[in-house]
Each structure stands twice: as structure tokens, then as C-alpha cells.
Protein backbone atom coordinates (compact mmCIF):
# COMPACT_ATOMS: atom_id res chain seq x y z
CA MET A 1 22.21 87.58 140.30
CA GLU A 2 25.06 87.78 138.27
CA VAL A 3 24.81 89.79 134.84
CA ILE A 4 27.38 88.27 131.97
CA ALA A 5 27.62 90.37 128.82
CA GLY A 6 27.56 88.49 125.81
CA TRP A 7 30.57 88.16 123.66
CA THR A 8 30.64 88.43 119.81
CA HIS A 9 32.64 86.65 117.18
CA ALA A 10 34.92 87.65 114.76
CA VAL A 11 35.22 85.59 111.60
CA PHE A 12 38.18 84.91 109.65
CA PRO A 13 37.03 83.08 106.56
CA ILE A 14 39.91 80.62 105.70
CA ASN A 15 41.00 80.64 102.29
CA ASP A 16 44.97 81.49 102.18
CA ALA A 17 47.45 81.05 104.58
CA SER A 18 47.35 84.81 105.44
CA ARG A 19 44.02 85.24 106.91
CA ILE A 20 45.58 82.01 109.73
CA GLY A 21 48.20 85.22 111.09
CA GLU A 22 45.09 87.75 110.62
CA ALA A 23 43.34 85.58 113.23
CA ARG A 24 46.29 84.69 115.30
CA ARG A 25 47.32 88.18 115.74
CA TYR A 26 43.60 89.43 116.69
CA ALA A 27 43.66 86.52 119.42
CA ALA A 28 46.76 88.21 120.36
CA GLN A 29 45.68 91.94 120.63
CA ALA A 30 42.40 89.93 122.57
CA ILE A 31 44.29 89.00 125.46
CA GLY A 32 45.73 92.63 125.92
CA GLY A 33 43.85 93.43 128.97
CA MET A 34 44.32 89.78 130.90
CA GLU A 35 47.40 89.84 132.31
CA TRP A 36 48.53 86.40 129.98
CA ASP A 37 52.18 85.75 130.77
CA ASP A 38 54.21 84.16 127.18
CA ASP A 39 53.63 80.78 127.79
CA ASP A 40 49.99 81.22 127.61
CA ALA A 41 49.91 83.59 124.69
CA GLY A 42 52.05 80.63 123.22
CA ARG A 43 49.40 77.91 123.48
CA LEU A 44 46.33 81.08 122.44
CA ALA A 45 48.61 81.09 119.32
CA LEU A 46 49.52 77.15 118.66
CA VAL A 47 45.58 76.65 118.99
CA VAL A 48 44.65 79.14 116.22
CA THR A 49 47.67 78.10 113.84
CA GLU A 50 46.45 74.40 114.52
CA LEU A 51 43.02 74.65 113.52
CA GLY A 52 43.47 77.21 110.72
CA THR A 53 46.06 74.77 109.25
CA ASN A 54 43.53 72.47 109.24
CA LEU A 55 40.76 73.96 107.45
CA LEU A 56 42.92 75.98 104.74
CA HIS A 57 44.36 72.19 103.68
CA HIS A 58 41.18 69.71 104.23
CA ALA A 59 38.27 71.57 104.54
CA GLN A 60 35.45 73.57 102.30
CA GLN A 61 34.34 76.91 103.07
CA GLY A 62 36.61 76.55 106.59
CA ARG A 63 35.79 79.58 109.05
CA LEU A 64 37.63 80.76 112.25
CA LEU A 65 34.95 82.71 114.75
CA ILE A 66 37.30 84.09 117.44
CA ALA A 67 35.65 85.77 121.04
CA ALA A 68 37.33 87.48 124.29
CA ARG A 69 34.40 85.35 127.10
CA THR A 70 35.33 88.16 129.71
CA ALA A 71 33.79 86.83 132.32
CA ALA A 72 36.26 83.34 132.26
CA ALA A 73 38.88 85.79 130.99
CA GLU A 74 39.10 83.22 128.37
CA ILE A 75 39.62 83.08 124.30
CA GLU A 76 36.85 81.09 122.55
CA ILE A 77 37.90 79.56 118.87
CA VAL A 78 35.63 77.84 117.04
CA ALA A 79 36.84 76.00 114.09
CA VAL A 80 33.61 75.56 111.67
CA ASP A 81 33.47 73.88 107.55
CA ASP A 82 30.92 72.81 105.48
CA GLY A 83 32.84 69.61 105.20
CA PRO A 84 33.75 66.67 103.76
CA GLY A 85 33.75 66.03 107.23
CA ILE A 86 36.74 63.24 109.40
CA GLU A 87 35.95 59.78 108.93
CA ASN A 88 38.50 58.55 111.27
CA LEU A 89 38.68 61.13 114.37
CA PRO A 90 40.16 58.86 116.58
CA ARG A 91 42.91 58.63 114.73
CA TYR A 92 42.96 62.80 114.02
CA MET A 93 43.32 63.00 117.93
CA MET A 94 46.20 61.30 118.30
CA ASP A 95 50.01 62.47 118.69
CA GLY A 96 52.31 62.74 115.61
CA VAL A 97 49.08 63.13 113.10
CA SER A 98 48.77 66.67 111.89
CA SER A 99 47.24 68.56 109.09
CA GLY A 100 50.66 69.13 107.32
CA SER A 101 52.92 71.80 107.87
CA THR A 102 51.99 72.63 111.43
CA PRO A 103 53.95 73.66 114.54
CA GLY A 104 51.69 70.45 116.46
CA THR A 105 50.89 67.65 116.37
CA GLY A 106 47.05 67.67 115.48
CA LEU A 107 43.95 67.67 117.39
CA GLY A 108 45.57 66.22 120.02
CA ALA A 109 47.35 69.03 119.98
CA VAL A 110 45.10 71.00 120.15
CA LYS A 111 43.11 69.38 122.81
CA ARG A 112 45.98 69.28 125.27
CA LEU A 113 46.47 72.90 124.61
CA ALA A 114 43.21 73.57 125.68
CA ASN A 115 41.12 74.26 128.83
CA ASP A 116 38.27 73.12 127.12
CA PHE A 117 37.70 71.08 124.10
CA ASP A 118 34.61 69.69 122.03
CA VAL A 119 34.68 68.21 118.02
CA HIS A 120 32.05 67.28 116.10
CA THR A 121 32.31 65.74 112.40
CA VAL A 122 29.24 64.43 110.27
CA VAL A 123 30.89 63.28 106.00
CA PRO A 124 30.01 64.65 104.15
CA ASP A 125 28.43 67.53 106.38
CA GLY A 126 31.84 69.02 108.03
CA THR A 127 33.17 69.56 111.27
CA VAL A 128 32.78 72.31 114.25
CA CYS A 129 36.02 72.30 116.81
CA VAL A 130 35.59 74.40 120.16
CA ALA A 131 38.87 75.47 121.71
CA ARG A 132 38.94 77.77 124.78
CA ILE A 133 42.55 79.07 126.17
CA ARG A 134 42.47 80.57 130.13
CA ARG A 135 45.61 82.07 131.59
CA GLY A 136 47.35 79.17 133.75
CA ARG A 137 47.81 75.80 133.13
CA PRO A 138 45.84 73.75 130.20
CA ASP A 139 43.98 71.78 133.40
CA PHE A 140 42.03 74.97 135.04
CA ARG A 141 38.57 74.71 134.71
CA TYR A 142 36.13 78.05 135.35
CA VAL A 143 33.68 77.16 138.05
CA ARG A 144 30.47 78.74 136.66
CA PRO A 145 28.61 80.59 138.94
CA ALA A 146 25.20 78.85 138.55
CA PRO A 147 24.31 74.78 137.23
CA LEU A 148 24.52 76.05 133.83
CA HIS A 149 26.45 76.21 130.55
CA VAL A 150 25.82 78.84 128.30
CA GLY A 151 26.87 78.74 124.61
CA ALA A 152 26.58 81.17 121.96
CA ILE A 153 27.72 82.29 118.37
CA CYS A 154 27.54 86.17 117.90
CA VAL A 155 28.66 87.63 114.51
CA ALA A 156 28.03 91.09 112.71
CA ALA A 157 26.60 91.22 109.10
CA PRO A 158 28.57 90.85 106.44
CA GLY A 159 31.05 94.03 105.70
CA GLU A 160 29.85 95.30 109.05
CA ARG A 161 32.39 95.77 111.92
CA GLU A 162 29.97 96.17 114.38
CA CYS A 163 27.38 94.12 115.18
CA GLY A 164 23.75 94.97 115.73
CA ASP A 165 22.58 92.10 118.19
CA ALA A 166 23.54 91.71 121.45
CA TRP A 167 22.78 89.27 124.36
CA ALA A 168 23.50 88.93 128.13
CA VAL A 169 22.73 86.30 130.51
CA ALA A 170 21.80 86.69 134.27
CA LEU A 171 22.99 83.57 136.64
CA ALA A 172 22.32 82.41 140.04
CA PRO A 173 22.04 79.09 141.59
CA ASP A 174 18.73 78.15 141.01
CA ARG A 175 17.40 80.52 137.82
CA VAL A 176 18.84 82.03 134.89
CA CYS A 177 17.72 85.26 132.82
CA ALA A 178 18.39 85.86 129.41
CA ILE A 179 17.81 88.85 126.40
CA VAL A 180 18.22 88.52 122.79
CA ALA A 181 18.31 91.75 121.29
CA ASP A 182 18.44 92.67 117.88
CA GLY A 183 18.50 96.38 116.47
CA LEU A 184 16.50 97.21 113.46
CA GLY A 185 18.91 97.01 110.35
CA HIS A 186 22.85 96.37 111.21
CA GLY A 187 25.48 98.62 111.76
CA PRO A 188 26.33 101.23 114.61
CA GLU A 189 22.99 102.64 115.32
CA ALA A 190 21.48 98.71 115.40
CA ALA A 191 24.32 98.30 118.10
CA LYS A 192 23.76 100.86 120.07
CA ALA A 193 19.99 99.88 120.49
CA SER A 194 21.44 96.14 121.34
CA SER A 195 23.35 97.61 123.66
CA ALA A 196 20.70 99.97 125.28
CA ALA A 197 18.80 96.69 125.97
CA THR A 198 21.00 94.73 127.32
CA GLN A 199 22.07 97.29 129.91
CA ALA A 200 18.45 97.63 130.64
CA PHE A 201 18.31 93.92 131.19
CA ALA A 202 21.28 94.20 133.80
CA ARG A 203 19.70 96.58 135.70
CA HIS A 204 16.28 94.31 136.41
CA ALA A 205 17.02 91.03 135.50
CA GLY A 206 15.16 88.86 137.72
CA GLU A 207 12.35 90.54 137.59
CA ASP A 208 8.79 89.64 135.31
CA PRO A 209 9.84 88.87 132.36
CA GLY A 210 7.11 91.31 131.07
CA ASP A 211 8.34 94.44 133.55
CA VAL A 212 12.10 93.47 131.81
CA VAL A 213 11.00 93.95 128.21
CA GLN A 214 8.99 97.06 129.01
CA CYS A 215 11.84 98.79 131.02
CA VAL A 216 14.25 97.68 128.19
CA HIS A 217 11.12 99.22 125.62
CA GLN A 218 11.18 102.43 127.64
CA ALA A 219 15.57 102.76 127.19
CA LEU A 220 15.50 102.46 123.65
CA GLN A 221 12.91 105.56 123.01
CA ALA A 222 16.38 107.63 122.12
CA THR A 223 17.06 104.66 119.14
CA ARG A 224 15.69 103.12 116.62
CA GLY A 225 14.30 99.94 118.67
CA ALA A 226 15.20 96.51 118.49
CA ALA A 227 13.74 92.94 118.66
CA VAL A 228 13.76 91.63 121.88
CA CYS A 229 13.08 88.41 123.96
CA VAL A 230 13.94 87.89 127.43
CA THR A 231 13.79 84.96 129.13
CA ASP A 232 13.45 83.43 133.04
CA TRP A 233 14.36 79.56 133.65
CA ASP A 234 13.52 78.84 137.09
CA LEU A 235 15.99 75.76 137.41
CA THR A 236 14.16 73.96 140.41
CA GLY A 237 10.74 74.29 139.32
CA ALA A 238 11.66 73.28 136.13
CA THR A 239 9.82 75.94 133.96
CA LEU A 240 10.26 79.27 131.88
CA ALA A 241 8.74 82.04 131.36
CA TYR A 242 9.56 84.09 128.23
CA ALA A 243 7.98 88.19 127.02
CA GLY A 244 9.55 89.66 123.92
CA ALA A 245 8.64 91.60 121.04
CA GLY A 246 9.18 91.47 117.03
CA ASN A 247 11.35 88.42 116.22
CA ILE A 248 13.33 87.03 118.63
CA ASN A 249 12.69 83.06 118.09
CA GLY A 250 13.41 80.46 120.59
CA ARG A 251 13.11 76.90 120.87
CA LEU A 252 12.80 74.12 124.12
CA LEU A 253 14.69 71.11 122.49
CA SER A 254 15.85 67.73 123.69
CA GLY A 255 16.23 64.13 121.95
CA VAL A 256 12.17 64.01 122.24
CA PHE A 257 10.89 67.05 122.75
CA ASP A 258 10.78 70.34 120.25
CA LYS A 259 8.63 73.42 121.15
CA SER A 260 8.73 76.79 119.89
CA ILE A 261 8.78 80.04 121.64
CA VAL A 262 7.04 82.68 120.51
CA THR A 263 6.35 86.36 121.72
CA GLN A 264 4.24 89.52 120.07
CA HIS A 265 4.62 91.32 117.23
CA GLY A 266 6.22 95.05 117.86
CA THR A 267 9.70 96.63 118.25
CA ALA A 268 10.89 97.39 121.98
CA GLY A 269 11.46 101.45 121.50
CA ALA A 270 9.23 101.96 119.13
CA GLN A 271 5.60 100.94 119.90
CA ILE A 272 4.83 97.45 121.63
CA ARG A 273 1.47 96.58 123.38
CA ARG A 274 2.56 95.43 126.92
CA PRO A 275 4.02 92.59 127.18
CA GLY A 276 2.57 89.65 128.09
CA VAL A 277 4.22 86.60 129.73
CA ALA A 278 4.20 82.89 128.63
CA THR A 279 4.89 80.08 131.02
CA THR A 280 6.10 76.65 129.83
CA GLU A 281 7.70 73.70 131.18
CA VAL A 282 11.21 72.56 130.35
CA PRO A 283 11.71 69.19 130.02
CA ARG A 284 14.64 67.55 131.82
CA TYR A 285 17.96 67.50 128.93
CA ALA A 286 16.03 70.16 127.22
CA LEU A 287 18.31 73.11 125.53
CA VAL A 288 16.51 76.70 125.69
CA LEU A 289 17.67 78.22 122.77
CA LEU A 290 17.34 81.63 121.56
CA HIS A 291 18.33 83.16 117.93
CA SER A 292 18.18 86.65 115.88
CA ASP A 293 16.23 86.51 112.07
CA GLY A 294 19.81 86.40 110.70
CA ILE A 295 18.95 82.57 111.19
CA GLU A 296 16.14 81.15 109.13
CA SER A 297 13.33 81.09 111.12
CA ARG A 298 12.09 77.30 109.78
CA TRP A 299 14.82 74.49 110.55
CA LYS A 300 14.94 70.98 111.39
CA PRO A 301 16.89 69.65 114.40
CA ASP A 302 17.60 66.72 113.47
CA ARG A 303 21.62 67.29 113.16
CA LEU A 304 21.57 69.02 117.01
CA ARG A 305 20.64 66.31 118.77
CA PRO A 306 23.82 64.05 118.71
CA VAL A 307 25.42 67.28 120.10
CA LEU A 308 22.48 68.29 122.77
CA GLN A 309 24.85 66.82 125.54
CA ARG A 310 27.88 68.05 124.51
CA ASP A 311 29.06 72.18 124.53
CA PRO A 312 26.31 74.34 124.22
CA THR A 313 28.51 76.38 121.21
CA LEU A 314 28.50 73.20 119.37
CA VAL A 315 24.95 73.64 118.88
CA ALA A 316 24.97 77.27 118.52
CA ALA A 317 27.66 76.98 115.77
CA ILE A 318 26.34 73.87 113.85
CA LEU A 319 22.61 76.45 113.34
CA TRP A 320 24.37 78.96 112.31
CA ARG A 321 26.70 77.23 110.00
CA ASP A 322 23.66 75.11 108.63
CA HIS A 323 20.88 78.10 108.38
CA THR A 324 22.27 81.43 108.53
CA ARG A 325 20.54 83.79 106.08
CA HIS A 326 24.52 85.57 105.22
CA ARG A 327 23.19 89.45 105.35
CA ASP A 328 22.59 89.91 108.64
CA ASP A 329 23.60 90.27 112.09
CA VAL A 330 23.33 86.84 113.84
CA THR A 331 23.07 85.90 117.58
CA VAL A 332 22.15 82.02 118.76
CA VAL A 333 22.30 81.55 122.39
CA VAL A 334 22.10 78.02 124.27
CA LEU A 335 21.54 77.32 127.46
CA ARG A 336 21.85 73.71 129.03
CA ARG A 337 21.37 72.74 132.80
CA GLU A 338 24.34 70.96 134.12
CA GLU A 339 23.27 67.62 135.52
């Protein structure tokens, strides 16, 4: 199985024009090892500038989230706000309609410049926009190694430089395995624990989920420990096997289906019972969604249903925007099978 290490987003609250420049410089540094040319770097700078300026001029509590997705050698930019939403989105997708003194021509320019682009807006709840830039021409599409689309939001606790959460996926043509780990507390020591969990997962991905959790438990003995959840989605049989310890929450969600994934209490690396494995059917078109306890445990899926068949990062970003606790690391991982 091909193991893909999860990415982490840097968050830039866009409350001043200087924050747009800060976000643009961060994105430029993130491509340092990707061998991009000046044209690709220019596209990235324009997308960050355009999305950031939209937030500054028109949005409430606008934030830019930027992550390097190394598996595809791309940069992901997520623009999130708390309102007021866009009443006439098709108009703002037209050339010549911009958000003020920007060098581009609005969301239409962002769509043209980006390799991947999706946007969802609701009045008055707000807007979420996802753009990804890769080296090469804008129409280049990343070929996924399995019929699966992975979206995620992963951010550090306020004031922390390192995220105490970590996640990873392992892909094969007929199945996908995933782990979300939440190191106890936050900061560098929590990050060490969650990183050790994903490294153990990478060595044992594809084995029985209970055995993987047990291996993670052993690997975390020298750390402060972590809450973990490991899933194994059989795409052919449409079943999900899962095991874990601690308060990683999961949901299977579709337009007509909503089922929680519950694992045992405990802390991997400290004290757990022998992990039991549960299995459930995954209805057609359902998403598999996992999140750490930086997200409220009791949330209603109403705002997610309109985007369930869109870019999974939209789902993750909306959940983060609407249900984060604002005091801890947050990870939301969304897995959607491509039909």
C-alpha cells in the first residue's frame, strides 16, 4: 500500500493587508523543494493574493489556510469566512469582477490559475473556497493512486507552532486505511506522540486494525501517549473495519445516512485494553469522516449535506469553521470514494 503522510495547515487570520503578504511569503517558502519555475510561483502568489484580498474587503473573520501536500507536490489554499456569503456567485466567477485593488480578475481568475478549484457559499453563513496549485500548466490533474479522494484540515492549537495531531492514509486500488492521532495536550511533546503513531501506522498499514492499534500502542510507550483511531475501508465489499482508543470521533455520512464510529476508552502508549475491531457497512455515496476532539463531538450535518459529493476539503473546512473548540489542535479527515 502507498502511505501518504497527512499535511498540516498554517492559519492566517486576514484582518490586515500585511497578513496577505505574510501568507504569500509562507506559500513561497513552502515550494522551496518542489522545483517550481517562476510562472508556477507567480500563479501561486496571485491565488493567495486574490483570495486574501477578497477576505479582507468583504468577509467577516476571514482566514487563509495553507498546506504543502507533498504527495502531489502541490500547495493547497483554503479561504474560509463567517459571512456574509455571496448572493450571486456566478457573477463573481466572471472575468472582470474583482474584489477591489487586486492584480487578478476575481474568483474566475483563481479558478483559471488553480489546478483544482471549488467554492461553496451560503448567505449569511459564509464562504469556503479551495484552490490547489501544482507545478506545470493549470490544466494538469493529479492522478490518484486509488479511486478515492482525500480531504483534510489539520491545524495547531492557538499559539502553538507544532500541531499535536497527525494523520495518514494508505491507499491501494481496492481499499484505503487511515489513522488519526491526537497527542495528549498540545505543542512539541504532543506532536512527538502523534508522529510516532503515524510512523507505526505506516509500517503496519493493511494489517488488522486492532493489531495496528496495538503496534501504535507499543510505539508510543516512550511518549506522553495519544488518542488514535485506525480504519480499513474495503472498497469492493463496501465495509469499514475500525479500532482505536480515546476520543477520536468518526461518522459515516451521506444525504440519507448518518452513523457514528465509536471506539474504546484509553490512551495509546499509556493504558488500553486489547483493541477490539468493529465492522460496519458503508452505504453508496457515503463519506468516511474522522476528527480529533478539537471539534465538538455533537454536531449536526445539515450544513455539510450540500457539499458531500464535492471536494472533501470543503466538508472538512466547513466542519472546522462551524464546530472548532478554538482551544486545541484540530484534525478533520474526509474520505470519499470516486464513482
